[in-house]
PDB file of all heavy atoms in Angstrom:
ATOM      1  N   GLY A   1      77.672   8.824 108.261  1.00  0.00           N
ATOM      2  CA  GLY A   1      77.740   8.794 106.839  1.00  0.00           C
ATOM      3  C   GLY A   1      77.557   7.413 106.246  1.00  0.00           C
ATOM      4  O   GLY A   1      76.848   7.179 105.282  1.00  0.00           O
ATOM      5  N   GLU A   2      78.147   6.471 106.938  1.00  0.00           N
ATOM      6  CA  GLU A   2      78.050   5.021 106.524  1.00  0.00           C
ATOM      7  C   GLU A   2      76.647   4.596 106.653  1.00  0.00           C
ATOM      8  O   GLU A   2      76.068   3.936 105.724  1.00  0.00           O
ATOM      9  CB  GLU A   2      79.020   4.123 107.336  1.00  0.00           C
ATOM     10  CG  GLU A   2      78.908   2.758 106.956  1.00  0.00           C
ATOM     11  CD  GLU A   2      79.716   1.810 107.916  1.00  0.00           C
ATOM     12  OE1 GLU A   2      80.404   2.343 108.799  1.00  0.00           O
ATOM     13  OE2 GLU A   2      79.708   0.596 107.707  1.00  0.00           O
ATOM     14  N   ILE A   3      75.977   4.895 107.845  1.00  0.00           N
ATOM     15  CA  ILE A   3      74.590   4.541 108.047  1.00  0.00           C
ATOM     16  C   ILE A   3      73.712   5.147 107.002  1.00  0.00           C
ATOM     17  O   ILE A   3      72.840   4.447 106.422  1.00  0.00           O
ATOM     18  CB  ILE A   3      74.166   4.862 109.468  1.00  0.00           C
ATOM     19  CG1 ILE A   3      74.828   3.966 110.505  1.00  0.00           C
ATOM     20  CG2 ILE A   3      72.667   4.860 109.631  1.00  0.00           C
ATOM     21  CD1 ILE A   3      74.702   4.451 111.961  1.00  0.00           C
ATOM     22  N   SER A   4      73.857   6.470 106.761  1.00  0.00           N
ATOM     23  CA  SER A   4      73.040   7.143 105.858  1.00  0.00           C
ATOM     24  C   SER A   4      73.152   6.517 104.456  1.00  0.00           C
ATOM     25  O   SER A   4      72.117   6.340 103.781  1.00  0.00           O
ATOM     26  CB  SER A   4      73.400   8.617 105.791  1.00  0.00           C
ATOM     27  OG  SER A   4      72.689   9.364 104.832  1.00  0.00           O
ATOM     28  N   THR A   5      74.352   6.226 103.994  1.00  0.00           N
ATOM     29  CA  THR A   5      74.539   5.610 102.677  1.00  0.00           C
ATOM     30  C   THR A   5      73.928   4.311 102.582  1.00  0.00           C
ATOM     31  O   THR A   5      73.270   3.924 101.604  1.00  0.00           O
ATOM     32  CB  THR A   5      76.061   5.496 102.417  1.00  0.00           C
ATOM     33  OG1 THR A   5      76.731   6.821 102.389  1.00  0.00           O
ATOM     34  CG2 THR A   5      76.303   4.891 101.071  1.00  0.00           C
ATOM     35  N   ASN A   6      74.026   3.416 103.591  1.00  0.00           N
ATOM     36  CA  ASN A   6      73.489   2.111 103.581  1.00  0.00           C
ATOM     37  C   ASN A   6      71.916   2.101 103.684  1.00  0.00           C
ATOM     38  O   ASN A   6      71.297   1.292 102.957  1.00  0.00           O
ATOM     39  CB  ASN A   6      74.067   1.243 104.653  1.00  0.00           C
ATOM     40  CG  ASN A   6      75.522   0.790 104.420  1.00  0.00           C
ATOM     41  OD1 ASN A   6      75.904   0.751 103.269  1.00  0.00           O
ATOM     42  ND2 ASN A   6      76.272   0.526 105.432  1.00  0.00           N
ATOM     43  N   LEU A   7      71.431   3.025 104.426  1.00  0.00           N
ATOM     44  CA  LEU A   7      69.970   3.116 104.470  1.00  0.00           C
ATOM     45  C   LEU A   7      69.398   3.540 103.073  1.00  0.00           C
ATOM     46  O   LEU A   7      68.400   2.865 102.591  1.00  0.00           O
ATOM     47  CB  LEU A   7      69.510   4.112 105.472  1.00  0.00           C
ATOM     48  CG  LEU A   7      69.260   3.652 106.901  1.00  0.00           C
ATOM     49  CD1 LEU A   7      68.930   4.825 107.817  1.00  0.00           C
ATOM     50  CD2 LEU A   7      68.159   2.576 106.958  1.00  0.00           C
ATOM     51  N   LEU A   8      70.044   4.461 102.424  1.00  0.00           N
ATOM     52  CA  LEU A   8      69.620   4.922 101.105  1.00  0.00           C
ATOM     53  C   LEU A   8      69.775   3.828 100.100  1.00  0.00           C
ATOM     54  O   LEU A   8      68.983   3.600  99.205  1.00  0.00           O
ATOM     55  CB  LEU A   8      70.448   6.181 100.683  1.00  0.00           C
ATOM     56  CG  LEU A   8      70.053   6.880  99.412  1.00  0.00           C
ATOM     57  CD1 LEU A   8      68.606   7.307  99.544  1.00  0.00           C
ATOM     58  CD2 LEU A   8      70.976   8.110  99.180  1.00  0.00           C
ATOM     59  N   ARG A   9      70.874   3.004 100.191  1.00  0.00           N
ATOM     60  CA  ARG A   9      71.066   1.893  99.273  1.00  0.00           C
ATOM     61  C   ARG A   9      69.970   0.854  99.442  1.00  0.00           C
ATOM     62  O   ARG A   9      69.443   0.327  98.369  1.00  0.00           O
ATOM     63  CB  ARG A   9      72.431   1.247  99.483  1.00  0.00           C
ATOM     64  CG  ARG A   9      73.635   2.164  99.079  1.00  0.00           C
ATOM     65  CD  ARG A   9      74.860   1.362  98.851  1.00  0.00           C
ATOM     66  NE  ARG A   9      74.724   0.518  97.649  1.00  0.00           N
ATOM     67  CZ  ARG A   9      75.504  -0.523  97.314  1.00  0.00           C
ATOM     68  NH1 ARG A   9      76.460  -0.889  98.221  1.00  0.00           N
ATOM     69  NH2 ARG A   9      75.369  -1.201  96.235  1.00  0.00           N
ATOM     70  N   LEU A  10      69.621   0.552 100.728  1.00  0.00           N
ATOM     71  CA  LEU A  10      68.569  -0.418 100.882  1.00  0.00           C
ATOM     72  C   LEU A  10      67.231   0.130 100.326  1.00  0.00           C
ATOM     73  O   LEU A  10      66.469  -0.664  99.737  1.00  0.00           O
ATOM     74  CB  LEU A  10      68.408  -0.636 102.364  1.00  0.00           C
ATOM     75  CG  LEU A  10      69.486  -1.484 102.988  1.00  0.00           C
ATOM     76  CD1 LEU A  10      69.272  -1.619 104.542  1.00  0.00           C
ATOM     77  CD2 LEU A  10      69.649  -2.866 102.458  1.00  0.00           C
ATOM     78  N   ALA A  11      67.010   1.422 100.430  1.00  0.00           N
ATOM     79  CA  ALA A  11      65.759   1.937  99.884  1.00  0.00           C
ATOM     80  C   ALA A  11      65.729   1.933  98.354  1.00  0.00           C
ATOM     81  O   ALA A  11      64.721   1.707  97.769  1.00  0.00           O
ATOM     82  CB  ALA A  11      65.546   3.440 100.391  1.00  0.00           C
ATOM     83  N   GLN A  12      66.929   2.250  97.787  1.00  0.00           N
ATOM     84  CA  GLN A  12      66.978   2.286  96.298  1.00  0.00           C
ATOM     85  C   GLN A  12      66.930   0.913  95.636  1.00  0.00           C
ATOM     86  O   GLN A  12      66.317   0.711  94.630  1.00  0.00           O
ATOM     87  CB  GLN A  12      68.216   3.077  95.840  1.00  0.00           C
ATOM     88  CG  GLN A  12      68.204   4.505  96.180  1.00  0.00           C
ATOM     89  CD  GLN A  12      69.499   5.196  95.849  1.00  0.00           C
ATOM     90  OE1 GLN A  12      70.545   4.588  95.922  1.00  0.00           O
ATOM     91  NE2 GLN A  12      69.455   6.515  95.640  1.00  0.00           N
ATOM     92  N   LEU A  13      67.600  -0.052  96.335  1.00  0.00           N
ATOM     93  CA  LEU A  13      67.703  -1.395  95.669  1.00  0.00           C
ATOM     94  C   LEU A  13      66.730  -2.418  96.225  1.00  0.00           C
ATOM     95  O   LEU A  13      66.500  -3.438  95.549  1.00  0.00           O
ATOM     96  CB  LEU A  13      69.125  -1.916  95.913  1.00  0.00           C
ATOM     97  CG  LEU A  13      70.318  -1.079  95.469  1.00  0.00           C
ATOM     98  CD1 LEU A  13      71.618  -1.664  95.907  1.00  0.00           C
ATOM     99  CD2 LEU A  13      70.290  -0.918  93.941  1.00  0.00           C
ATOM    100  N   GLY A  14      66.188  -2.221  97.401  1.00  0.00           N
ATOM    101  CA  GLY A  14      65.451  -3.240  98.122  1.00  0.00           C
ATOM    102  C   GLY A  14      64.116  -3.638  97.527  1.00  0.00           C
ATOM    103  O   GLY A  14      63.640  -4.741  97.672  1.00  0.00           O
ATOM    104  N   ALA A  15      63.406  -2.709  96.916  1.00  0.00           N
ATOM    105  CA  ALA A  15      62.019  -3.017  96.459  1.00  0.00           C
ATOM    106  C   ALA A  15      61.865  -4.247  95.656  1.00  0.00           C
ATOM    107  O   ALA A  15      60.998  -5.055  95.839  1.00  0.00           O
ATOM    108  CB  ALA A  15      61.479  -1.749  95.712  1.00  0.00           C
ATOM    109  N   ALA A  16      62.757  -4.402  94.661  1.00  0.00           N
ATOM    110  CA  ALA A  16      62.631  -5.549  93.732  1.00  0.00           C
ATOM    111  C   ALA A  16      63.312  -6.842  94.373  1.00  0.00           C
ATOM    112  O   ALA A  16      63.093  -7.896  93.833  1.00  0.00           O
ATOM    113  CB  ALA A  16      63.309  -5.251  92.401  1.00  0.00           C
ATOM    114  N   LEU A  17      64.054  -6.576  95.503  1.00  0.00           N
ATOM    115  CA  LEU A  17      64.830  -7.717  95.994  1.00  0.00           C
ATOM    116  C   LEU A  17      64.233  -8.226  97.342  1.00  0.00           C
ATOM    117  O   LEU A  17      64.924  -9.022  98.076  1.00  0.00           O
ATOM    118  CB  LEU A  17      66.314  -7.243  96.203  1.00  0.00           C
ATOM    119  CG  LEU A  17      66.946  -6.855  94.892  1.00  0.00           C
ATOM    120  CD1 LEU A  17      68.309  -6.161  95.182  1.00  0.00           C
ATOM    121  CD2 LEU A  17      67.150  -8.024  93.924  1.00  0.00           C
ATOM    122  N   GLY A  18      63.054  -7.773  97.669  1.00  0.00           N
ATOM    123  CA  GLY A  18      62.410  -8.241  98.908  1.00  0.00           C
ATOM    124  C   GLY A  18      62.959  -7.713 100.211  1.00  0.00           C
ATOM    125  O   GLY A  18      62.878  -8.305 101.267  1.00  0.00           O
ATOM    126  N   VAL A  19      63.604  -6.477 100.152  1.00  0.00           N
ATOM    127  CA  VAL A  19      64.075  -5.868 101.377  1.00  0.00           C
ATOM    128  C   VAL A  19      63.379  -4.545 101.539  1.00  0.00           C
ATOM    129  O   VAL A  19      63.385  -3.665 100.616  1.00  0.00           O
ATOM    130  CB  VAL A  19      65.589  -5.546 101.277  1.00  0.00           C
ATOM    131  CG1 VAL A  19      66.128  -4.891 102.461  1.00  0.00           C
ATOM    132  CG2 VAL A  19      66.333  -6.957 100.996  1.00  0.00           C
ATOM    133  N   HIS A  20      62.660  -4.428 102.633  1.00  0.00           N
ATOM    134  CA  HIS A  20      61.679  -3.274 102.802  1.00  0.00           C
ATOM    135  C   HIS A  20      62.042  -2.523 104.137  1.00  0.00           C
ATOM    136  O   HIS A  20      62.523  -3.138 105.131  1.00  0.00           O
ATOM    137  CB  HIS A  20      60.298  -3.792 102.962  1.00  0.00           C
ATOM    138  CG  HIS A  20      59.893  -4.647 101.706  1.00  0.00           C
ATOM    139  ND1 HIS A  20      59.480  -4.105 100.526  1.00  0.00           N
ATOM    140  CD2 HIS A  20      59.972  -5.988 101.594  1.00  0.00           C
ATOM    141  CE1 HIS A  20      59.230  -5.072  99.647  1.00  0.00           C
ATOM    142  NE2 HIS A  20      59.480  -6.233 100.274  1.00  0.00           N
ATOM    143  N   LEU A  21      61.787  -1.213 104.116  1.00  0.00           N
ATOM    144  CA  LEU A  21      62.130  -0.343 105.208  1.00  0.00           C
ATOM    145  C   LEU A  21      60.861   0.253 105.848  1.00  0.00           C
ATOM    146  O   LEU A  21      59.958   0.703 105.108  1.00  0.00           O
ATOM    147  CB  LEU A  21      63.089   0.808 104.786  1.00  0.00           C
ATOM    148  CG  LEU A  21      64.445   0.460 104.271  1.00  0.00           C
ATOM    149  CD1 LEU A  21      65.237   1.676 103.860  1.00  0.00           C
ATOM    150  CD2 LEU A  21      65.251  -0.308 105.383  1.00  0.00           C
ATOM    151  N   VAL A  22      60.816   0.331 107.191  1.00  0.00           N
ATOM    152  CA  VAL A  22      59.861   1.117 107.970  1.00  0.00           C
ATOM    153  C   VAL A  22      60.651   2.141 108.774  1.00  0.00           C
ATOM    154  O   VAL A  22      61.315   1.668 109.753  1.00  0.00           O
ATOM    155  CB  VAL A  22      58.984   0.230 108.851  1.00  0.00           C
ATOM    156  CG1 VAL A  22      58.024   1.123 109.595  1.00  0.00           C
ATOM    157  CG2 VAL A  22      58.196  -0.795 107.961  1.00  0.00           C
ATOM    158  N   ILE A  23      60.653   3.353 108.386  1.00  0.00           N
ATOM    159  CA  ILE A  23      61.408   4.405 109.104  1.00  0.00           C
ATOM    160  C   ILE A  23      60.423   5.202 109.933  1.00  0.00           C
ATOM    161  O   ILE A  23      59.553   5.791 109.434  1.00  0.00           O
ATOM    162  CB  ILE A  23      62.137   5.356 108.008  1.00  0.00           C
ATOM    163  CG1 ILE A  23      63.007   4.548 107.082  1.00  0.00           C
ATOM    164  CG2 ILE A  23      62.984   6.358 108.807  1.00  0.00           C
ATOM    165  CD1 ILE A  23      64.148   3.780 107.731  1.00  0.00           C
ATOM    166  N   ALA A  24      60.669   5.157 111.227  1.00  0.00           N
ATOM    167  CA  ALA A  24      59.764   5.872 112.157  1.00  0.00           C
ATOM    168  C   ALA A  24      60.518   6.827 113.089  1.00  0.00           C
ATOM    169  O   ALA A  24      61.692   6.654 113.336  1.00  0.00           O
ATOM    170  CB  ALA A  24      59.046   4.825 113.027  1.00  0.00           C
ATOM    171  N   GLY A  25      59.805   7.818 113.539  1.00  0.00           N
ATOM    172  CA  GLY A  25      60.450   8.740 114.436  1.00  0.00           C
ATOM    173  C   GLY A  25      59.486   9.859 114.888  1.00  0.00           C
ATOM    174  O   GLY A  25      58.484  10.105 114.246  1.00  0.00           O
ATOM    175  N   GLN A  26      59.838  10.428 116.070  1.00  0.00           N
ATOM    176  CA  GLN A  26      59.049  11.600 116.552  1.00  0.00           C
ATOM    177  C   GLN A  26      59.364  12.885 115.750  1.00  0.00           C
ATOM    178  O   GLN A  26      58.486  13.686 115.501  1.00  0.00           O
ATOM    179  CB  GLN A  26      59.390  11.880 118.059  1.00  0.00           C
ATOM    180  CG  GLN A  26      59.001  10.795 118.962  1.00  0.00           C
ATOM    181  CD  GLN A  26      59.269  11.102 120.352  1.00  0.00           C
ATOM    182  OE1 GLN A  26      59.173  12.273 120.827  1.00  0.00           O
ATOM    183  NE2 GLN A  26      59.602  10.071 121.135  1.00  0.00           N
ATOM    184  N   ARG A  27      60.638  12.957 115.373  1.00  0.00           N
ATOM    185  CA  ARG A  27      61.086  14.151 114.670  1.00  0.00           C
ATOM    186  C   ARG A  27      61.908  13.790 113.477  1.00  0.00           C
ATOM    187  O   ARG A  27      62.951  13.093 113.608  1.00  0.00           O
ATOM    188  CB  ARG A  27      61.881  15.112 115.546  1.00  0.00           C
ATOM    189  CG  ARG A  27      62.249  16.410 114.857  1.00  0.00           C
ATOM    190  CD  ARG A  27      63.067  17.263 115.865  1.00  0.00           C
ATOM    191  NE  ARG A  27      64.299  16.640 116.131  1.00  0.00           N
ATOM    192  CZ  ARG A  27      65.428  16.832 115.438  1.00  0.00           C
ATOM    193  NH1 ARG A  27      65.395  17.490 114.220  1.00  0.00           N
ATOM    194  NH2 ARG A  27      66.614  16.232 115.765  1.00  0.00           N
ATOM    195  N   VAL A  28      61.420  14.075 112.238  1.00  0.00           N
ATOM    196  CA  VAL A  28      62.159  13.718 111.035  1.00  0.00           C
ATOM    197  C   VAL A  28      62.143  15.037 110.117  1.00  0.00           C
ATOM    198  O   VAL A  28      61.190  15.183 109.416  1.00  0.00           O
ATOM    199  CB  VAL A  28      61.514  12.548 110.260  1.00  0.00           C
ATOM    200  CG1 VAL A  28      62.370  12.225 109.063  1.00  0.00           C
ATOM    201  CG2 VAL A  28      61.364  11.355 111.213  1.00  0.00           C
ATOM    202  N   GLY A  29      63.130  15.743 110.267  1.00  0.00           N
ATOM    203  CA  GLY A  29      63.184  17.055 109.552  1.00  0.00           C
ATOM    204  C   GLY A  29      64.421  17.184 108.626  1.00  0.00           C
ATOM    205  O   GLY A  29      65.335  16.376 108.800  1.00  0.00           O
ATOM    206  N   SER A  30      64.399  18.152 107.820  1.00  0.00           N
ATOM    207  CA  SER A  30      65.545  18.374 106.869  1.00  0.00           C
ATOM    208  C   SER A  30      66.724  18.855 107.646  1.00  0.00           C
ATOM    209  O   SER A  30      67.825  18.689 107.089  1.00  0.00           O
ATOM    210  CB  SER A  30      65.146  19.452 105.769  1.00  0.00           C
ATOM    211  OG  SER A  30      64.727  20.664 106.449  1.00  0.00           O
ATOM    212  N   ASP A  31      66.583  19.329 108.888  1.00  0.00           N
ATOM    213  CA  ASP A  31      67.755  19.754 109.658  1.00  0.00           C
ATOM    214  C   ASP A  31      68.653  18.529 110.018  1.00  0.00           C
ATOM    215  O   ASP A  31      69.786  18.761 110.491  1.00  0.00           O
ATOM    216  CB  ASP A  31      67.310  20.456 110.939  1.00  0.00           C
ATOM    217  CG  ASP A  31      66.458  19.522 111.806  1.00  0.00           C
ATOM    218  OD1 ASP A  31      65.431  19.014 111.337  1.00  0.00           O
ATOM    219  OD2 ASP A  31      66.739  19.401 113.021  1.00  0.00           O
ATOM    220  N   LEU A  32      68.159  17.323 109.908  1.00  0.00           N
ATOM    221  CA  LEU A  32      68.984  16.126 110.137  1.00  0.00           C
ATOM    222  C   LEU A  32      70.020  15.907 109.023  1.00  0.00           C
ATOM    223  O   LEU A  32      70.894  15.068 109.206  1.00  0.00           O
ATOM    224  CB  LEU A  32      68.122  14.920 110.328  1.00  0.00           C
ATOM    225  CG  LEU A  32      67.196  14.863 111.532  1.00  0.00           C
ATOM    226  CD1 LEU A  32      66.317  13.623 111.506  1.00  0.00           C
ATOM    227  CD2 LEU A  32      67.969  14.996 112.861  1.00  0.00           C
ATOM    228  N   GLY A  33      69.901  16.555 107.995  1.00  0.00           N
ATOM    229  CA  GLY A  33      70.913  16.500 106.875  1.00  0.00           C
ATOM    230  C   GLY A  33      70.336  16.041 105.601  1.00  0.00           C
ATOM    231  O   GLY A  33      69.209  15.491 105.541  1.00  0.00           O
ATOM    232  N   PRO A  34      71.090  16.157 104.512  1.00  0.00           N
ATOM    233  CA  PRO A  34      70.598  15.800 103.183  1.00  0.00           C
ATOM    234  C   PRO A  34      70.354  14.282 103.005  1.00  0.00           C
ATOM    235  O   PRO A  34      69.560  13.912 102.195  1.00  0.00           O
ATOM    236  CB  PRO A  34      71.729  16.203 102.249  1.00  0.00           C
ATOM    237  CG  PRO A  34      72.993  16.303 103.108  1.00  0.00           C
ATOM    238  CD  PRO A  34      72.499  16.682 104.450  1.00  0.00           C
ATOM    239  N   GLY A  35      71.039  13.437 103.896  1.00  0.00           N
ATOM    240  CA  GLY A  35      70.816  12.022 103.805  1.00  0.00           C
ATOM    241  C   GLY A  35      69.279  11.641 104.118  1.00  0.00           C
ATOM    242  O   GLY A  35      68.765  10.798 103.498  1.00  0.00           O
TER     243      GLY A  35
END
């Protein structure tokens, strides 16, 4: 839960602040949860 919240905060706030995400994976589905 903490990881999910912090990743989402970086995604929401980071664009204007020079913090960028590259999220990669073999399997990225909705079954991993709403986060």
